[in-house]
Protein backbone atom coordinates (compact mmCIF):
# COMPACT_ATOMS: atom_id res chain seq x y z
CA UNK A 1 -12.03 1.64 -5.33
CA UNK A 2 -10.81 -1.43 -3.46
CA UNK A 3 -9.46 0.69 -0.63
CA UNK A 4 -12.88 2.27 -0.06
CA UNK A 5 -14.61 -1.11 -0.44
CA UNK A 6 -12.39 -2.82 2.15
CA UNK A 7 -12.83 0.00 4.66
CA UNK A 8 -16.60 -0.03 4.12
CA UNK A 9 -16.83 -3.78 4.65
CA UNK A 10 -14.78 -3.46 7.84
CA UNK A 11 -16.99 -0.64 9.14
CA UNK A 12 -20.14 -2.69 8.44
CA UNK A 13 -18.66 -5.70 10.25
CA UNK A 14 -17.87 -3.54 13.28
CA UNK A 15 -21.35 -1.96 13.20
CA UNK A 16 -23.14 -5.34 13.32
CA UNK A 17 -20.83 -6.73 16.03
CA UNK A 18 -22.17 -7.26 19.53
CA UNK A 19 -20.41 -4.33 21.21
CA UNK A 20 -21.57 -1.30 23.12
CA UNK A 21 -22.56 1.55 20.80
CA UNK A 22 -19.80 3.97 21.96
CA UNK A 23 -17.14 1.33 21.26
CA UNK A 24 -18.56 0.64 17.79
CA UNK A 25 -18.65 4.34 16.97
CA UNK A 26 -15.08 4.84 18.17
CA UNK A 27 -13.83 1.96 16.02
CA UNK A 28 -15.78 3.20 12.99
CA UNK A 29 -14.21 6.64 13.50
CA UNK A 30 -10.75 5.02 13.49
CA UNK A 31 -11.64 3.15 10.28
CA UNK A 32 -12.69 6.45 8.65
CA UNK A 33 -9.44 8.11 9.74
CA UNK A 34 -7.51 5.16 8.32
CA UNK A 35 -9.34 5.54 5.02
CA UNK A 36 -8.56 9.26 4.88
CA UNK A 37 -4.87 8.63 5.62
CA UNK A 38 -4.44 5.97 2.94
CA UNK A 39 -6.40 8.02 0.39
CA UNK A 40 -4.15 11.02 1.06
CA UNK A 41 -0.94 8.95 0.98
CA UNK A 42 -1.52 6.40 -1.78
CA UNK A 43 -4.26 7.78 -4.03
CA UNK A 44 -3.97 11.56 -3.94
CA UNK A 45 -0.21 11.57 -3.17
CA UNK A 46 -0.55 14.48 -0.76
CA UNK A 47 1.79 13.31 2.01
CA UNK A 48 5.57 13.62 1.99
CA UNK A 49 6.03 9.83 2.21
CA UNK A 50 3.85 9.11 -0.85
CA UNK A 51 5.57 6.85 -3.37
CA UNK A 52 5.50 8.46 -6.82
CA UNK A 53 7.76 6.12 -8.79
CA UNK A 54 9.24 2.65 -8.37
CA UNK A 55 12.13 1.24 -10.40
CA UNK A 56 13.31 -2.37 -10.21
CA UNK A 57 16.78 -3.52 -11.20
CA UNK A 58 17.14 -7.22 -10.31
CA UNK A 59 16.73 -7.27 -6.50
CA UNK A 60 17.43 -3.54 -6.02
CA UNK A 61 14.40 -1.28 -5.79
CA UNK A 62 14.50 2.52 -6.09
CA UNK A 63 11.57 4.53 -4.76
CA UNK A 64 10.99 8.23 -5.46
CA UNK A 65 8.96 10.05 -2.84
CA UNK A 66 6.63 12.98 -3.44
CA UNK A 67 9.11 15.48 -1.99
CA UNK A 68 11.79 14.37 -4.44
CA UNK A 69 14.47 12.35 -2.71
CA UNK A 70 13.67 8.71 -2.26
CA UNK A 71 15.45 5.61 -1.12
CA UNK A 72 16.88 2.38 -2.44
CA UNK A 73 16.68 -1.03 -0.93
CA UNK A 74 16.53 -4.75 -1.43
CA UNK A 75 13.37 -6.67 -2.25
CA UNK A 76 12.25 -8.35 0.99
CA UNK A 77 11.34 -12.03 1.23
CA UNK A 78 7.63 -11.65 1.84
CA UNK A 79 6.77 -9.69 -1.30
CA UNK A 80 3.49 -11.11 -2.62
CA UNK A 81 2.59 -11.05 -6.30
CA UNK A 82 -0.98 -11.85 -7.27
CA UNK A 83 -3.20 -11.25 -10.26
CA UNK A 84 -5.29 -8.86 -8.15
CA UNK A 85 -2.68 -7.02 -6.09
CA UNK A 86 1.01 -6.77 -5.21
CA UNK A 87 2.34 -6.43 -1.68
CA UNK A 88 5.73 -4.84 -2.27
CA UNK A 89 8.10 -5.21 0.68
CA UNK A 90 11.39 -3.36 0.53
CA UNK A 91 14.21 -3.42 3.06
CA UNK A 92 15.72 0.10 2.71
CA UNK A 93 19.49 0.43 2.84
CA UNK A 94 20.73 1.16 6.38
CA UNK A 95 17.36 0.16 7.94
CA UNK A 96 16.55 -3.04 9.72
CA UNK A 97 12.78 -3.23 9.15
CA UNK A 98 11.16 -3.43 5.71
CA UNK A 99 8.50 -1.03 4.43
CA UNK A 100 5.44 -2.26 2.56
CA UNK A 101 2.92 -0.94 0.09
CA UNK A 102 -0.08 -2.68 -1.43
CA UNK A 103 -0.43 -1.90 -5.12
CA UNK A 104 -3.76 -2.58 -6.82
CA UNK A 105 -4.26 -2.80 -10.60
CA UNK A 106 -6.17 0.48 -10.72
CA UNK A 107 -3.12 2.35 -9.36
CA UNK A 108 -1.20 1.74 -12.61
CA UNK A 109 -2.01 1.23 -16.24
CA UNK A 110 -2.81 -2.36 -17.26
CA UNK A 111 0.54 -2.79 -19.02
CA UNK A 112 2.53 -1.22 -16.17
CA UNK A 113 0.85 -3.43 -13.55
CA UNK A 114 1.54 -6.55 -15.63
CA UNK A 115 5.16 -5.48 -16.14
CA UNK A 116 5.57 -4.92 -12.38
CA UNK A 117 4.15 -8.36 -11.63
CA UNK A 118 6.45 -10.03 -14.18
CA UNK A 119 9.54 -8.21 -12.87
CA UNK A 120 8.71 -9.18 -9.29
CA UNK A 121 8.00 -12.80 -10.19
CA UNK A 122 11.41 -13.23 -11.78
CA UNK A 123 13.38 -11.04 -9.35
């Protein structure tokens, strides 16, 4: 729900901006494509890089992808834990740059989301 809401607010802001109409329409099209991508990857789990399961063991994070094999990595410094969302940043083993996912409460059960937040706070 929040993903759709944020994309809608962004599209409305672009629509009311003082830009030529073709530029506004092009940007709104890009916003719609972004929404479709994130819905397919994070909500419907249709893409091969969709995260299906996350396991935390101290600072080591294991991620299982939709296609089966996943990766492990260290919890990155800029992981954000909030009551409303979690920005999970993981530095995969043998990679220099971290990967990130935003996890909203409606993506997990209430108890699972709380447990994730507690584990990340004390990790």
